[in-house]
Amino acid sequence: MVILVSLMLAGCSEDYGVDQYGRKVTAEQLEGQWLLINYWAQWCGPCRGEIAELNKLAQQSSAQSVTVLGVNFDQLQGAELSKASAELGINYRVLAQDPAARWQLPRSEVLPVTYIIDAQGQLRERLLGEQTAAGLTARLAQLQKGAQ
């Protein structure tokens, strides 16, 4: 039993791979954070439309234990991911590896989709369609208030 628990805890602390710049994303960097995980694609008009809003939210919320993360729906890697992120003006971190399995996120056939993960690593909400910084901030405040 002790071995099983140790293995489970070790799995929880696994790193997240690298971001669009090739920088390692560690579990410690995201520990205790609320996460907004946004799936996007270059060909998705609404995805492109919400990038400025997500940039704004990432800048506003960095001191509030909230981290915005992007994930490319088409699973771009390396230089392709870096180029696409730069061309679209994405200023928040984009994970090269899809974290869906880590949080048991359902695969969405609709883009954009944003998942809200609480500070304990639990999926709290799935938001379909284009989001605004103000709308996400309000929703986060409601969820965080309910979690206290």
C-alpha atoms as a PDB file:
ATOM      1  CA  MET A   1       0.000   0.000   0.000  1.00  0.00           C
ATOM      2  CA  VAL A   2       2.819   2.410   0.861  1.00  0.00           C
ATOM      3  CA  ILE A   3       4.434   1.746  -2.508  1.00  0.00           C
ATOM      4  CA  LEU A   4       1.170   2.432  -4.329  1.00  0.00           C
ATOM      5  CA  VAL A   5       0.663   5.735  -2.509  1.00  0.00           C
ATOM      6  CA  SER A   6       4.288   6.720  -3.188  1.00  0.00           C
ATOM      7  CA  LEU A   7       3.857   5.994  -6.887  1.00  0.00           C
ATOM      8  CA  MET A   8       0.633   7.995  -7.006  1.00  0.00           C
ATOM      9  CA  LEU A   9       2.270  10.970  -5.281  1.00  0.00           C
ATOM     10  CA  ALA A  10       5.287  10.753  -7.576  1.00  0.00           C
ATOM     11  CA  GLY A  11       2.934  10.864 -10.557  1.00  0.00           C
ATOM     12  CA  CYS A  12       1.310  14.006  -9.201  1.00  0.00           C
ATOM     13  CA  SER A  13       4.635  15.812  -9.081  1.00  0.00           C
ATOM     14  CA  GLU A  14       5.693  14.968 -12.630  1.00  0.00           C
ATOM     15  CA  ASP A  15       6.749  17.922 -14.705  1.00  0.00           C
ATOM     16  CA  TYR A  16       4.646  19.264 -17.564  1.00  0.00           C
ATOM     17  CA  GLY A  17       7.278  19.018 -20.289  1.00  0.00           C
ATOM     18  CA  VAL A  18       8.361  22.175 -22.075  1.00  0.00           C
ATOM     19  CA  ASP A  19       6.699  25.361 -23.262  1.00  0.00           C
ATOM     20  CA  GLN A  20       6.797  27.035 -26.680  1.00  0.00           C
ATOM     21  CA  TYR A  21      10.291  28.351 -25.927  1.00  0.00           C
ATOM     22  CA  GLY A  22      11.674  24.952 -24.968  1.00  0.00           C
ATOM     23  CA  ARG A  23      11.768  25.921 -21.272  1.00  0.00           C
ATOM     24  CA  LYS A  24      10.928  23.210 -18.771  1.00  0.00           C
ATOM     25  CA  VAL A  25       7.570  23.611 -17.008  1.00  0.00           C
ATOM     26  CA  THR A  26       7.929  22.071 -13.563  1.00  0.00           C
ATOM     27  CA  ALA A  27       5.265  20.876 -11.154  1.00  0.00           C
ATOM     28  CA  GLU A  28       6.683  23.268  -8.534  1.00  0.00           C
ATOM     29  CA  GLN A  29       6.046  26.266 -10.811  1.00  0.00           C
ATOM     30  CA  LEU A  30       2.339  25.450 -11.002  1.00  0.00           C
ATOM     31  CA  GLU A  31       1.780  23.958  -7.544  1.00  0.00           C
ATOM     32  CA  GLY A  32      -0.985  25.707  -5.607  1.00  0.00           C
ATOM     33  CA  GLN A  33      -2.055  27.716  -8.675  1.00  0.00           C
ATOM     34  CA  TRP A  34      -5.475  27.933 -10.256  1.00  0.00           C
ATOM     35  CA  LEU A  35      -4.953  27.034 -13.904  1.00  0.00           C
ATOM     36  CA  LEU A  36      -6.801  28.192 -16.999  1.00  0.00           C
ATOM     37  CA  ILE A  37      -5.923  25.749 -19.743  1.00  0.00           C
ATOM     38  CA  ASN A  38      -6.963  27.018 -23.152  1.00  0.00           C
ATOM     39  CA  TYR A  39      -6.937  24.819 -26.265  1.00  0.00           C
ATOM     40  CA  TRP A  40      -6.421  26.733 -29.512  1.00  0.00           C
ATOM     41  CA  ALA A  41      -5.577  26.223 -33.168  1.00  0.00           C
ATOM     42  CA  GLN A  42      -4.223  28.573 -35.836  1.00  0.00           C
ATOM     43  CA  TRP A  43      -7.190  27.873 -38.116  1.00  0.00           C
ATOM     44  CA  CYS A  44      -9.755  28.700 -35.393  1.00  0.00           C
ATOM     45  CA  GLY A  45     -11.090  32.260 -35.725  1.00  0.00           C
ATOM     46  CA  PRO A  46     -12.553  32.500 -32.204  1.00  0.00           C
ATOM     47  CA  CYS A  47      -9.264  31.120 -30.800  1.00  0.00           C
ATOM     48  CA  ARG A  48      -7.371  33.912 -32.506  1.00  0.00           C
ATOM     49  CA  GLY A  49      -9.910  36.420 -31.236  1.00  0.00           C
ATOM     50  CA  GLU A  50      -9.505  35.536 -27.581  1.00  0.00           C
ATOM     51  CA  ILE A  51      -5.687  35.559 -27.463  1.00  0.00           C
ATOM     52  CA  ALA A  52      -5.554  39.272 -26.554  1.00  0.00           C
ATOM     53  CA  GLU A  53      -8.031  38.605 -23.735  1.00  0.00           C
ATOM     54  CA  LEU A  54      -5.992  35.668 -22.435  1.00  0.00           C
ATOM     55  CA  ASN A  55      -2.803  37.771 -22.648  1.00  0.00           C
ATOM     56  CA  LYS A  56      -4.539  40.448 -20.572  1.00  0.00           C
ATOM     57  CA  LEU A  57      -5.748  37.905 -18.031  1.00  0.00           C
ATOM     58  CA  ALA A  58      -2.303  36.291 -17.771  1.00  0.00           C
ATOM     59  CA  GLN A  59      -0.729  39.670 -17.083  1.00  0.00           C
ATOM     60  CA  GLN A  60      -3.392  40.692 -14.525  1.00  0.00           C
ATOM     61  CA  SER A  61      -3.540  37.404 -12.665  1.00  0.00           C
ATOM     62  CA  SER A  62       0.140  36.464 -12.389  1.00  0.00           C
ATOM     63  CA  ALA A  63       0.277  37.812  -8.826  1.00  0.00           C
ATOM     64  CA  GLN A  64      -3.026  36.168  -7.850  1.00  0.00           C
ATOM     65  CA  SER A  65      -2.060  32.464  -7.951  1.00  0.00           C
ATOM     66  CA  VAL A  66      -3.703  32.045 -11.367  1.00  0.00           C
ATOM     67  CA  THR A  67      -1.743  30.791 -14.370  1.00  0.00           C
ATOM     68  CA  VAL A  68      -2.936  30.849 -17.976  1.00  0.00           C
ATOM     69  CA  LEU A  69      -1.635  27.978 -20.109  1.00  0.00           C
ATOM     70  CA  GLY A  70      -2.259  27.308 -23.774  1.00  0.00           C
ATOM     71  CA  VAL A  71      -2.307  23.968 -25.567  1.00  0.00           C
ATOM     72  CA  ASN A  72      -2.213  23.691 -29.336  1.00  0.00           C
ATOM     73  CA  PHE A  73      -5.089  21.476 -30.496  1.00  0.00           C
ATOM     74  CA  ASP A  74      -3.089  20.252 -33.501  1.00  0.00           C
ATOM     75  CA  GLN A  75      -0.206  19.142 -31.254  1.00  0.00           C
ATOM     76  CA  LEU A  76       2.424  21.360 -32.858  1.00  0.00           C
ATOM     77  CA  GLN A  77       5.881  20.825 -31.372  1.00  0.00           C
ATOM     78  CA  GLY A  78       9.249  22.560 -31.210  1.00  0.00           C
ATOM     79  CA  ALA A  79       9.897  25.273 -33.789  1.00  0.00           C
ATOM     80  CA  GLU A  80       6.393  24.947 -35.270  1.00  0.00           C
ATOM     81  CA  LEU A  81       4.784  25.611 -31.879  1.00  0.00           C
ATOM     82  CA  SER A  82       7.135  28.503 -31.166  1.00  0.00           C
ATOM     83  CA  LYS A  83       6.456  30.067 -34.573  1.00  0.00           C
ATOM     84  CA  ALA A  84       2.665  29.680 -34.337  1.00  0.00           C
ATOM     85  CA  SER A  85       2.602  31.127 -30.811  1.00  0.00           C
ATOM     86  CA  ALA A  86       4.715  34.113 -31.880  1.00  0.00           C
ATOM     87  CA  GLU A  87       2.665  34.756 -35.036  1.00  0.00           C
ATOM     88  CA  LEU A  88      -0.535  34.807 -32.993  1.00  0.00           C
ATOM     89  CA  GLY A  89       0.977  37.043 -30.302  1.00  0.00           C
ATOM     90  CA  ILE A  90       0.563  34.582 -27.451  1.00  0.00           C
ATOM     91  CA  ASN A  91       2.369  35.942 -24.374  1.00  0.00           C
ATOM     92  CA  TYR A  92       1.366  33.228 -21.889  1.00  0.00           C
ATOM     93  CA  ARG A  93       2.969  29.798 -21.708  1.00  0.00           C
ATOM     94  CA  VAL A  94       1.940  27.196 -24.248  1.00  0.00           C
ATOM     95  CA  LEU A  95       2.543  23.597 -23.212  1.00  0.00           C
ATOM     96  CA  ALA A  96       4.096  21.385 -25.870  1.00  0.00           C
ATOM     97  CA  GLN A  97       2.612  18.276 -24.235  1.00  0.00           C
ATOM     98  CA  ASP A  98      -1.131  17.957 -23.808  1.00  0.00           C
ATOM     99  CA  PRO A  99      -1.957  17.819 -20.064  1.00  0.00           C
ATOM    100  CA  ALA A 100      -5.431  16.303 -20.618  1.00  0.00           C
ATOM    101  CA  ALA A 101      -4.560  12.931 -19.096  1.00  0.00           C
ATOM    102  CA  ARG A 102      -3.145  14.559 -15.964  1.00  0.00           C
ATOM    103  CA  TRP A 103      -6.486  16.198 -15.124  1.00  0.00           C
ATOM    104  CA  GLN A 104      -8.745  13.811 -17.030  1.00  0.00           C
ATOM    105  CA  LEU A 105      -9.917  16.586 -19.326  1.00  0.00           C
ATOM    106  CA  PRO A 106     -12.515  15.471 -21.849  1.00  0.00           C
ATOM    107  CA  ARG A 107     -11.469  15.899 -25.473  1.00  0.00           C
ATOM    108  CA  SER A 108     -13.434  18.737 -26.990  1.00  0.00           C
ATOM    109  CA  GLU A 109     -14.553  18.795 -30.595  1.00  0.00           C
ATOM    110  CA  VAL A 110     -15.304  22.510 -30.233  1.00  0.00           C
ATOM    111  CA  LEU A 111     -12.660  25.238 -30.108  1.00  0.00           C
ATOM    112  CA  PRO A 112     -11.734  27.244 -28.265  1.00  0.00           C
ATOM    113  CA  VAL A 113     -12.241  25.424 -25.001  1.00  0.00           C
ATOM    114  CA  THR A 114     -10.933  26.567 -21.626  1.00  0.00           C
ATOM    115  CA  TYR A 115     -10.678  24.378 -18.544  1.00  0.00           C
ATOM    116  CA  ILE A 116     -10.407  25.802 -15.038  1.00  0.00           C
ATOM    117  CA  ILE A 117      -8.381  23.677 -12.618  1.00  0.00           C
ATOM    118  CA  ASP A 118      -8.371  24.631  -8.927  1.00  0.00           C
ATOM    119  CA  ALA A 119      -5.326  24.900  -6.655  1.00  0.00           C
ATOM    120  CA  GLN A 120      -5.792  21.249  -5.597  1.00  0.00           C
ATOM    121  CA  GLY A 121      -5.669  20.045  -9.205  1.00  0.00           C
ATOM    122  CA  GLN A 122      -9.412  19.401  -9.589  1.00  0.00           C
ATOM    123  CA  LEU A 123     -11.290  20.254 -12.784  1.00  0.00           C
ATOM    124  CA  ARG A 124     -13.835  22.910 -11.831  1.00  0.00           C
ATOM    125  CA  GLU A 125     -15.236  24.132 -15.130  1.00  0.00           C
ATOM    126  CA  ARG A 126     -15.223  23.627 -18.903  1.00  0.00           C
ATOM    127  CA  LEU A 127     -15.967  26.747 -20.912  1.00  0.00           C
ATOM    128  CA  LEU A 128     -16.722  26.444 -24.620  1.00  0.00           C
ATOM    129  CA  GLY A 129     -16.235  29.283 -27.067  1.00  0.00           C
ATOM    130  CA  GLU A 130     -14.427  32.592 -27.017  1.00  0.00           C
ATOM    131  CA  GLN A 131     -13.831  34.036 -23.548  1.00  0.00           C
ATOM    132  CA  THR A 132     -13.030  37.517 -22.263  1.00  0.00           C
ATOM    133  CA  ALA A 133     -10.601  38.490 -19.512  1.00  0.00           C
ATOM    134  CA  ALA A 134     -13.461  40.097 -17.558  1.00  0.00           C
ATOM    135  CA  GLY A 135     -15.682  37.022 -17.877  1.00  0.00           C
ATOM    136  CA  LEU A 136     -12.899  34.648 -16.847  1.00  0.00           C
ATOM    137  CA  THR A 137     -11.917  36.884 -13.924  1.00  0.00           C
ATOM    138  CA  ALA A 138     -15.511  36.946 -12.689  1.00  0.00           C
ATOM    139  CA  ARG A 139     -15.896  33.175 -13.050  1.00  0.00           C
ATOM    140  CA  LEU A 140     -12.606  32.537 -11.258  1.00  0.00           C
ATOM    141  CA  ALA A 141     -13.674  34.818  -8.393  1.00  0.00           C
ATOM    142  CA  GLN A 142     -16.935  32.867  -8.018  1.00  0.00           C
ATOM    143  CA  LEU A 143     -15.175  29.515  -8.036  1.00  0.00           C
ATOM    144  CA  GLN A 144     -12.433  30.641  -5.663  1.00  0.00           C
ATOM    145  CA  LYS A 145     -14.996  32.104  -3.251  1.00  0.00           C
ATOM    146  CA  GLY A 146     -16.891  28.801  -3.269  1.00  0.00           C
ATOM    147  CA  ALA A 147     -13.679  26.876  -2.622  1.00  0.00           C
ATOM    148  CA  GLN A 148     -12.915  28.728   0.623  1.00  0.00           C
END
